[in-house]
């Protein structure tokens, strides 16, 4: 029977690794649909950003209550998953709590820490469920938060609650079995799971072994299933936040990237020397119409989005009733990537399916509402920059379609002819001061 369990576990583990690897390669392929982008700036500063923002959760604490609860879930995820190592070793070798004899009394301390974090994660997830579904926090009720985004968040929270309950159930039944069966290694008293012992005290040994094994298998299969599900979920940010914060822009938030082709053209018109090395032989498309016109950084950021809605909650355009939602911009970009990726995987047309990110996913009304204030960039807890995508889409509309609003076109013309938004010469700009 033990050998059969080992075989089943190894097959399950191999299948999970295979499916996760396949999905990771698909995500990598989707991100590589974007254009190459030069990574500038000090690597030390990038590493600091990753450690402070992604690992240290620095920007989360601008909202203390959710940050405090998220901290326990985050730490619990990192620490409790260390126990998964023991699960894997036990599953492959057919042993039970293989590390306990080697760690001695420290094993008891470690298990109690794991249980404390399990209870903290469980309570935090319950509170988050209440916030989302009972209190109905406004930033979780926006128009883009349709059935799937809401279900996705709830599924993860419920799964976490069930997995933590499985750990406590396993430990409670295990402590009783330690007094009945030599196979079960002594762990000492485990504080939190000991409260569940009275529920199983009068259960016969065979049934108790079944409960303990069921909880063990449920937890490890749940962890493997969770790892696979995350790759399809917004919770992919658990992993993607680290590269995203590392490769995030180091330039000041108000600094907008120039287009080398346009810059050289303007400099040439002004009689200034140009940097011909930065000018491609074929300029290609101005701005972005679809995901392949965006940089790979932009596409990676879309997979890093937490859907927390902090960007949308801070957006002045959204607060004044405009349709723009920076969160929706990132979600739409990710959805378009997924659509193209599935098409390519199935041998379909891919990017040539008659759809584009602009118009089919994101409307001109949305991008025109943006004030370029960078409030969304500042609010994002993982340093995502929705403004870059918005500006690239707007550049395409302005330069390829000449589809900007009439007032904007008038301003553009004035800037081109008079070097200012106003329709009078530079010599007359201070005439208003002479009248007083």
Protein backbone atom coordinates (compact mmCIF):
# COMPACT_ATOMS: atom_id res chain seq x y z
CA UNK A 1 0.00 0.00 0.00
CA UNK A 2 2.85 2.37 0.88
CA UNK A 3 4.53 1.71 -2.47
CA UNK A 4 1.28 2.40 -4.30
CA UNK A 5 0.97 5.75 -2.49
CA UNK A 6 4.54 6.62 -3.51
CA UNK A 7 3.82 5.80 -7.15
CA UNK A 8 0.59 7.83 -7.15
CA UNK A 9 2.35 10.76 -5.51
CA UNK A 10 5.25 10.74 -7.97
CA UNK A 11 2.83 10.60 -10.93
CA UNK A 12 0.76 13.45 -9.45
CA UNK A 13 3.86 15.56 -8.80
CA UNK A 14 5.23 14.93 -12.30
CA UNK A 15 1.89 15.81 -13.91
CA UNK A 16 1.69 19.05 -11.91
CA UNK A 17 5.27 20.02 -12.83
CA UNK A 18 4.59 19.27 -16.50
CA UNK A 19 1.39 21.34 -16.63
CA UNK A 20 2.91 24.25 -14.69
CA UNK A 21 5.99 24.28 -16.93
CA UNK A 22 3.79 24.23 -20.03
CA UNK A 23 1.76 27.16 -18.75
CA UNK A 24 4.88 29.14 -17.73
CA UNK A 25 6.31 28.70 -21.23
CA UNK A 26 3.03 29.94 -22.70
CA UNK A 27 3.10 33.05 -20.51
CA UNK A 28 6.73 33.63 -21.51
CA UNK A 29 5.79 33.30 -25.17
CA UNK A 30 2.90 35.76 -24.72
CA UNK A 31 5.18 38.33 -23.10
CA UNK A 32 7.69 37.95 -25.95
CA UNK A 33 4.98 39.09 -28.37
CA UNK A 34 5.95 42.60 -27.26
CA UNK A 35 8.75 44.68 -28.74
CA UNK A 36 12.28 44.65 -27.39
CA UNK A 37 12.93 47.29 -24.79
CA UNK A 38 16.23 48.56 -23.46
CA UNK A 39 16.57 48.18 -19.71
CA UNK A 40 18.25 51.30 -18.35
CA UNK A 41 19.39 52.28 -14.91
CA UNK A 42 21.46 51.00 -12.01
CA UNK A 43 20.98 47.29 -11.27
CA UNK A 44 21.53 48.01 -7.58
CA UNK A 45 18.57 50.39 -7.53
CA UNK A 46 16.48 47.80 -9.35
CA UNK A 47 17.38 45.16 -6.80
CA UNK A 48 16.50 47.59 -4.01
CA UNK A 49 13.09 48.24 -5.57
CA UNK A 50 12.44 44.51 -5.82
CA UNK A 51 13.42 43.84 -2.21
CA UNK A 52 11.50 46.80 -0.76
CA UNK A 53 8.39 46.77 -2.94
CA UNK A 54 7.88 43.13 -4.01
CA UNK A 55 9.47 41.33 -1.07
CA UNK A 56 9.07 44.00 1.61
CA UNK A 57 5.52 45.07 0.61
CA UNK A 58 6.46 48.74 1.17
CA UNK A 59 3.76 50.33 -1.01
CA UNK A 60 1.04 48.09 0.42
CA UNK A 61 1.14 49.92 3.76
CA UNK A 62 -0.39 53.08 2.33
CA UNK A 63 -3.65 51.31 3.27
CA UNK A 64 -2.85 49.79 6.67
CA UNK A 65 -5.74 47.36 7.29
CA UNK A 66 -5.54 45.44 3.99
CA UNK A 67 -1.73 45.67 4.15
CA UNK A 68 -1.68 44.15 7.66
CA UNK A 69 -3.95 41.28 6.61
CA UNK A 70 -2.08 40.78 3.33
CA UNK A 71 1.19 40.65 5.27
CA UNK A 72 0.07 37.56 7.17
CA UNK A 73 -1.09 35.87 3.96
CA UNK A 74 2.18 36.76 2.27
CA UNK A 75 4.40 35.56 5.13
CA UNK A 76 2.21 32.49 5.54
CA UNK A 77 2.61 31.70 1.85
CA UNK A 78 6.40 31.96 2.08
CA UNK A 79 6.89 30.12 5.38
CA UNK A 80 4.16 27.47 5.32
CA UNK A 81 5.27 26.40 1.87
CA UNK A 82 8.56 25.36 3.48
CA UNK A 83 6.51 22.52 4.95
CA UNK A 84 5.66 21.47 1.40
CA UNK A 85 9.29 20.38 1.08
CA UNK A 86 8.68 17.80 3.81
CA UNK A 87 5.43 16.74 2.11
CA UNK A 88 7.29 16.16 -1.17
CA UNK A 89 10.13 14.20 0.45
CA UNK A 90 7.67 12.09 2.46
CA UNK A 91 5.55 11.47 -0.62
CA UNK A 92 8.50 10.30 -2.73
CA UNK A 93 10.22 8.20 -0.04
CA UNK A 94 7.09 6.93 1.68
CA UNK A 95 8.20 8.34 5.05
CA UNK A 96 6.29 10.38 7.64
CA UNK A 97 7.61 13.68 9.03
CA UNK A 98 11.11 12.83 7.87
CA UNK A 99 12.67 16.00 9.29
CA UNK A 100 11.32 15.55 12.85
CA UNK A 101 14.07 13.20 14.16
CA UNK A 102 16.82 15.44 12.77
CA UNK A 103 15.45 18.76 14.03
CA UNK A 104 14.41 17.53 17.48
CA UNK A 105 12.82 20.20 19.68
CA UNK A 106 13.19 22.80 16.95
CA UNK A 107 10.70 20.82 14.85
CA UNK A 108 8.02 21.47 17.47
CA UNK A 109 8.82 25.20 17.42
CA UNK A 110 8.71 25.22 13.63
CA UNK A 111 5.37 23.39 13.50
CA UNK A 112 3.86 25.81 16.02
CA UNK A 113 5.04 28.75 13.90
CA UNK A 114 3.47 27.13 10.85
CA UNK A 115 0.19 26.66 12.73
CA UNK A 116 0.18 30.26 13.95
CA UNK A 117 0.62 31.47 10.40
CA UNK A 118 -2.03 29.02 9.17
CA UNK A 119 -4.56 30.47 11.63
CA UNK A 120 -3.50 34.03 10.71
CA UNK A 121 -3.93 33.26 6.99
CA UNK A 122 -7.32 31.65 7.65
CA UNK A 123 -8.60 34.67 9.61
CA UNK A 124 -7.20 37.16 7.08
CA UNK A 125 -8.91 35.32 4.20
CA UNK A 126 -12.22 35.32 6.09
CA UNK A 127 -11.94 39.08 6.62
CA UNK A 128 -11.05 39.64 2.96
CA UNK A 129 -14.11 37.60 1.93
CA UNK A 130 -16.28 39.78 4.17
CA UNK A 131 -14.75 42.96 2.74
CA UNK A 132 -15.43 41.82 -0.82
CA UNK A 133 -18.84 40.21 -0.49
CA UNK A 134 -20.52 41.72 2.58
CA UNK A 135 -19.05 45.19 3.03
CA UNK A 136 -18.62 45.46 -0.78
CA UNK A 137 -15.63 47.80 -0.80
CA UNK A 138 -16.19 50.21 -3.71
CA UNK A 139 -12.96 49.50 -5.60
CA UNK A 140 -13.98 45.85 -5.92
CA UNK A 141 -17.34 46.78 -7.46
CA UNK A 142 -16.17 48.64 -10.57
CA UNK A 143 -17.59 47.87 -14.01
CA UNK A 144 -14.57 45.80 -15.08
CA UNK A 145 -14.92 43.56 -12.01
CA UNK A 146 -17.27 41.17 -13.75
CA UNK A 147 -18.23 37.64 -12.68
CA UNK A 148 -14.85 36.02 -13.39
CA UNK A 149 -12.59 38.58 -11.59
CA UNK A 150 -14.84 38.43 -8.53
CA UNK A 151 -15.06 34.63 -8.66
CA UNK A 152 -11.29 34.36 -9.15
CA UNK A 153 -10.58 36.34 -5.98
CA UNK A 154 -13.18 34.44 -3.94
CA UNK A 155 -11.93 31.05 -5.16
CA UNK A 156 -8.40 31.78 -4.00
CA UNK A 157 -9.56 33.01 -0.60
CA UNK A 158 -11.82 29.99 -0.05
CA UNK A 159 -9.05 27.64 -1.23
CA UNK A 160 -6.63 29.19 1.26
CA UNK A 161 -9.15 28.73 4.08
CA UNK A 162 -9.73 25.07 3.16
CA UNK A 163 -5.98 24.34 2.82
CA UNK A 164 -5.21 25.89 6.21
CA UNK A 165 -8.06 23.90 7.77
CA UNK A 166 -6.56 20.74 6.23
CA UNK A 167 -3.20 21.46 7.90
CA UNK A 168 -4.80 21.90 11.33
CA UNK A 169 -6.96 18.77 10.86
CA UNK A 170 -3.92 16.73 9.81
CA UNK A 171 -1.88 17.89 12.79
CA UNK A 172 -4.73 17.27 15.27
CA UNK A 173 -5.34 13.69 14.09
CA UNK A 174 -1.58 13.12 13.88
CA UNK A 175 -1.08 14.08 17.53
CA UNK A 176 -3.64 11.46 18.62
CA UNK A 177 -2.09 8.81 16.36
CA UNK A 178 1.31 9.47 17.91
CA UNK A 179 -0.03 7.83 21.10
CA UNK A 180 -1.49 4.84 19.23
CA UNK A 181 0.92 3.99 16.40
CA UNK A 182 4.73 3.87 16.33
CA UNK A 183 4.76 4.99 12.68
CA UNK A 184 3.74 8.49 13.75
CA UNK A 185 6.75 10.45 14.99
CA UNK A 186 6.34 12.55 18.13
CA UNK A 187 6.05 16.26 17.39
CA UNK A 188 5.30 17.53 20.84
CA UNK A 189 2.23 19.64 21.57
CA UNK A 190 1.02 21.75 18.67
CA UNK A 191 -0.89 24.65 20.21
CA UNK A 192 -3.56 25.56 17.68
CA UNK A 193 -4.37 22.10 16.32
CA UNK A 194 -4.65 20.78 19.89
CA UNK A 195 -7.97 22.64 20.15
CA UNK A 196 -9.32 20.24 17.49
CA UNK A 197 -8.16 17.09 19.30
CA UNK A 198 -11.45 16.64 21.26
CA UNK A 199 -13.25 16.31 17.88
CA UNK A 200 -11.20 13.20 17.02
CA UNK A 201 -10.39 11.80 20.47
CA UNK A 202 -13.05 9.06 20.38
CA UNK A 203 -12.54 8.13 16.72
CA UNK A 204 -11.13 4.65 16.12
CA UNK A 205 -7.57 4.32 14.86
CA UNK A 206 -8.39 3.14 11.32
CA UNK A 207 -10.76 6.06 10.74
CA UNK A 208 -8.28 8.46 12.28
CA UNK A 209 -5.53 7.25 9.92
CA UNK A 210 -7.91 7.82 7.01
CA UNK A 211 -8.66 11.38 8.22
CA UNK A 212 -4.96 12.16 8.64
CA UNK A 213 -4.04 10.71 5.23
CA UNK A 214 -6.99 12.42 3.54
CA UNK A 215 -5.97 15.79 5.02
CA UNK A 216 -2.35 15.16 3.95
CA UNK A 217 -3.30 14.28 0.38
CA UNK A 218 -5.87 17.09 0.19
CA UNK A 219 -3.27 19.64 1.27
CA UNK A 220 -0.49 18.56 -1.09
CA UNK A 221 -2.81 18.13 -4.08
CA UNK A 222 -4.40 21.47 -3.16
CA UNK A 223 -0.96 23.12 -3.14
CA UNK A 224 -0.07 21.65 -6.53
CA UNK A 225 -3.48 22.59 -7.94
CA UNK A 226 -3.09 26.07 -6.48
CA UNK A 227 0.31 26.46 -8.14
CA UNK A 228 -1.21 25.55 -11.51
CA UNK A 229 -4.34 27.67 -11.04
CA UNK A 230 -2.29 30.72 -10.12
CA UNK A 231 -0.82 30.79 -13.62
CA UNK A 232 -4.33 31.39 -15.00
CA UNK A 233 -5.34 33.81 -12.24
CA UNK A 234 -4.67 37.40 -11.24
CA UNK A 235 -2.76 35.84 -8.34
CA UNK A 236 0.11 35.28 -10.75
CA UNK A 237 1.33 38.56 -9.25
CA UNK A 238 2.66 36.44 -6.36
CA UNK A 239 5.55 35.55 -8.67
CA UNK A 240 5.43 38.25 -11.36
CA UNK A 241 5.72 41.13 -8.88
CA UNK A 242 9.42 40.37 -8.45
CA UNK A 243 10.56 40.74 -12.08
CA UNK A 244 8.10 43.59 -12.63
CA UNK A 245 9.51 45.68 -9.78
CA UNK A 246 13.04 44.87 -10.91
CA UNK A 247 12.44 46.00 -14.49
CA UNK A 248 10.20 48.95 -13.59
CA UNK A 249 11.25 52.39 -14.86
CA UNK A 250 13.74 54.25 -12.72
CA UNK A 251 13.16 57.59 -14.44
CA UNK A 252 10.97 60.23 -12.74
CA UNK A 253 7.27 59.43 -13.15
CA UNK A 254 6.63 62.62 -15.12
CA UNK A 255 9.25 61.74 -17.73
CA UNK A 256 7.65 60.47 -20.94
CA UNK A 257 9.69 58.46 -23.40
CA UNK A 258 10.31 60.21 -26.70
CA UNK A 259 10.07 58.50 -30.08
CA UNK A 260 13.55 58.62 -31.69
CA UNK A 261 12.13 58.96 -35.21
CA UNK A 262 10.00 61.96 -34.25
CA UNK A 263 12.73 63.52 -32.10
CA UNK A 264 15.25 63.36 -34.94
CA UNK A 265 12.72 64.80 -37.38
CA UNK A 266 12.01 67.78 -35.10
CA UNK A 267 15.71 68.37 -34.50
CA UNK A 268 16.34 68.23 -38.22
CA UNK A 269 13.62 70.85 -38.81
CA UNK A 270 15.26 73.09 -36.22
CA UNK A 271 18.67 72.68 -37.80
CA UNK A 272 20.10 70.71 -34.89
CA UNK A 273 22.31 67.65 -35.13
CA UNK A 274 20.45 64.36 -35.00
CA UNK A 275 21.25 60.94 -33.60
CA UNK A 276 20.94 58.81 -36.73
CA UNK A 277 22.08 55.67 -34.88
CA UNK A 278 18.79 55.59 -32.94
CA UNK A 279 16.68 55.90 -36.06
CA UNK A 280 15.57 52.60 -37.59
CA UNK A 281 15.68 52.15 -41.36
CA UNK A 282 11.95 51.39 -41.27
CA UNK A 283 10.18 53.50 -38.65
CA UNK A 284 7.30 51.04 -38.45
CA UNK A 285 4.12 51.91 -36.61
CA UNK A 286 3.85 55.03 -34.51
CA UNK A 287 2.44 54.21 -31.11
CA UNK A 288 0.55 51.01 -30.39
CA UNK A 289 -2.53 49.45 -31.93
CA UNK A 290 -2.13 45.93 -30.61
CA UNK A 291 -0.05 44.10 -28.03
CA UNK A 292 2.85 43.48 -30.42
CA UNK A 293 3.35 47.27 -30.60
CA UNK A 294 3.86 47.47 -26.83
CA UNK A 295 7.13 46.59 -25.11
CA UNK A 296 7.62 43.27 -23.34
CA UNK A 297 7.81 45.28 -20.09
CA UNK A 298 4.24 46.49 -20.65
CA UNK A 299 3.03 42.93 -21.30
CA UNK A 300 4.83 41.56 -18.25
CA UNK A 301 3.21 44.30 -16.17
CA UNK A 302 -0.21 43.12 -17.36
CA UNK A 303 0.50 39.67 -15.93
CA UNK A 304 1.71 41.33 -12.71
CA UNK A 305 -1.54 43.22 -12.10
CA UNK A 306 -3.12 42.38 -8.75
CA UNK A 307 -6.54 43.79 -9.74
CA UNK A 308 -6.57 45.54 -6.37
CA UNK A 309 -8.09 48.67 -7.93
CA UNK A 310 -5.86 51.16 -6.12
CA UNK A 311 -4.93 52.74 -9.45
CA UNK A 312 -8.57 53.21 -10.46
CA UNK A 313 -9.49 54.49 -6.99
CA UNK A 314 -6.87 57.25 -7.35
CA UNK A 315 -7.57 58.11 -11.01
CA UNK A 316 -9.06 61.65 -11.23
CA UNK A 317 -10.67 60.86 -14.58
CA UNK A 318 -12.44 57.84 -13.11
CA UNK A 319 -13.46 59.78 -10.01
CA UNK A 320 -15.19 62.39 -12.21
CA UNK A 321 -17.26 59.77 -14.00
CA UNK A 322 -15.09 59.10 -17.07
CA UNK A 323 -14.90 55.56 -18.43
CA UNK A 324 -11.15 55.33 -17.91
CA UNK A 325 -10.02 52.70 -15.41
CA UNK A 326 -6.26 52.00 -15.29
CA UNK A 327 -7.03 48.57 -13.82
CA UNK A 328 -9.19 47.75 -16.86
CA UNK A 329 -6.35 48.86 -19.16
CA UNK A 330 -4.06 46.24 -17.62
CA UNK A 331 -6.78 43.57 -17.53
CA UNK A 332 -7.66 44.19 -21.19
CA UNK A 333 -4.00 43.96 -22.19
CA UNK A 334 -3.68 40.64 -20.38
CA UNK A 335 -6.93 39.34 -21.90
CA UNK A 336 -5.74 40.26 -25.40
CA UNK A 337 -2.45 38.45 -24.77
CA UNK A 338 -4.29 35.37 -23.61
CA UNK A 339 -6.56 35.44 -26.65
CA UNK A 340 -3.65 35.74 -29.07
CA UNK A 341 -1.65 33.11 -27.18
CA UNK A 342 -4.50 30.58 -27.30
CA UNK A 343 -4.96 31.25 -31.01
CA UNK A 344 -1.27 30.69 -31.74
CA UNK A 345 -1.23 27.55 -29.60
CA UNK A 346 -4.15 26.14 -31.57
CA UNK A 347 -2.52 27.06 -34.89
CA UNK A 348 -4.92 29.95 -35.45
CA UNK A 349 -4.37 33.42 -36.93
CA UNK A 350 -2.95 34.91 -33.74
CA UNK A 351 -2.60 38.66 -34.11
CA UNK A 352 -4.32 38.52 -37.51
CA UNK A 353 -7.72 37.54 -36.10
CA UNK A 354 -9.36 40.83 -37.08
CA UNK A 355 -9.20 42.22 -33.55
CA UNK A 356 -6.87 44.74 -31.94
CA UNK A 357 -6.21 45.94 -28.41
CA UNK A 358 -7.34 49.41 -29.46
CA UNK A 359 -11.05 49.62 -30.25
CA UNK A 360 -11.91 45.96 -29.56
CA UNK A 361 -10.68 46.00 -25.96
CA UNK A 362 -9.81 49.59 -25.10
CA UNK A 363 -11.83 52.47 -26.55
CA UNK A 364 -10.64 55.91 -27.63
CA UNK A 365 -12.95 57.42 -25.06
CA UNK A 366 -10.98 55.67 -22.32
CA UNK A 367 -7.52 56.73 -23.44
CA UNK A 368 -8.58 60.31 -24.22
CA UNK A 369 -9.87 60.69 -20.66
CA UNK A 370 -6.38 60.20 -19.19
CA UNK A 371 -4.79 63.35 -17.73
CA UNK A 372 -1.27 61.82 -17.62
CA UNK A 373 -1.10 62.69 -13.93
CA UNK A 374 0.67 59.42 -12.91
CA UNK A 375 -1.69 58.91 -9.95
CA UNK A 376 -2.23 55.30 -11.06
CA UNK A 377 1.53 54.70 -11.28
CA UNK A 378 2.09 56.08 -7.81
CA UNK A 379 -0.75 54.03 -6.32
CA UNK A 380 0.25 50.64 -7.74
CA UNK A 381 1.73 48.38 -5.04
CA UNK A 382 3.90 46.51 -7.58
CA UNK A 383 5.09 49.49 -9.69
CA UNK A 384 2.93 48.89 -12.78
CA UNK A 385 2.72 51.79 -15.24
CA UNK A 386 -0.66 51.82 -17.05
CA UNK A 387 0.12 55.31 -18.38
CA UNK A 388 2.76 53.92 -20.76
CA UNK A 389 0.15 51.75 -22.50
CA UNK A 390 -2.36 54.62 -22.63
CA UNK A 391 0.18 57.00 -24.16
CA UNK A 392 1.25 54.47 -26.79
CA UNK A 393 -2.37 53.90 -27.81
CA UNK A 394 -2.96 57.64 -27.95
CA UNK A 395 0.14 58.12 -30.08
CA UNK A 396 -1.23 55.64 -32.60
CA UNK A 397 -4.59 57.42 -32.76
CA UNK A 398 -2.92 60.81 -33.19
CA UNK A 399 -0.12 59.92 -35.59
CA UNK A 400 -1.48 56.99 -37.60
CA UNK A 401 -5.21 57.70 -37.68
CA UNK A 402 -5.24 61.47 -37.12
CA UNK A 403 -8.15 60.60 -34.89
CA UNK A 404 -7.55 62.90 -31.95
CA UNK A 405 -10.38 65.23 -30.86
CA UNK A 406 -10.67 68.43 -32.89
CA UNK A 407 -9.56 70.58 -29.95
CA UNK A 408 -6.42 68.49 -29.62
CA UNK A 409 -5.62 68.73 -33.32
CA UNK A 410 -5.91 72.50 -33.11
CA UNK A 411 -3.49 72.50 -30.19
CA UNK A 412 -1.06 70.21 -32.04
CA UNK A 413 -1.11 72.55 -35.05
CA UNK A 414 -0.44 75.56 -32.85
CA UNK A 415 2.51 73.82 -31.23
CA UNK A 416 3.88 72.89 -34.65
CA UNK A 417 3.62 76.41 -36.03
CA UNK A 418 3.93 78.64 -32.97
CA UNK A 419 5.71 76.31 -30.51
CA UNK A 420 2.89 76.87 -28.03
CA UNK A 421 -0.72 75.67 -27.57
CA UNK A 422 -2.03 79.18 -28.18
CA UNK A 423 -2.76 80.54 -31.65
CA UNK A 424 -0.51 83.60 -31.67
CA UNK A 425 3.16 84.20 -32.25
CA UNK A 426 5.77 83.87 -29.55
CA UNK A 427 6.43 87.62 -29.77
CA UNK A 428 2.91 88.33 -28.54
CA UNK A 429 2.82 85.93 -25.61
CA UNK A 430 3.39 88.57 -22.95
CA UNK A 431 1.08 91.21 -24.39
CA UNK A 432 -1.43 90.40 -21.67
CA UNK A 433 0.99 91.84 -19.11
CA UNK A 434 1.35 95.14 -20.96
CA UNK A 435 -2.35 95.93 -20.62
CA UNK A 436 -2.03 96.28 -16.88
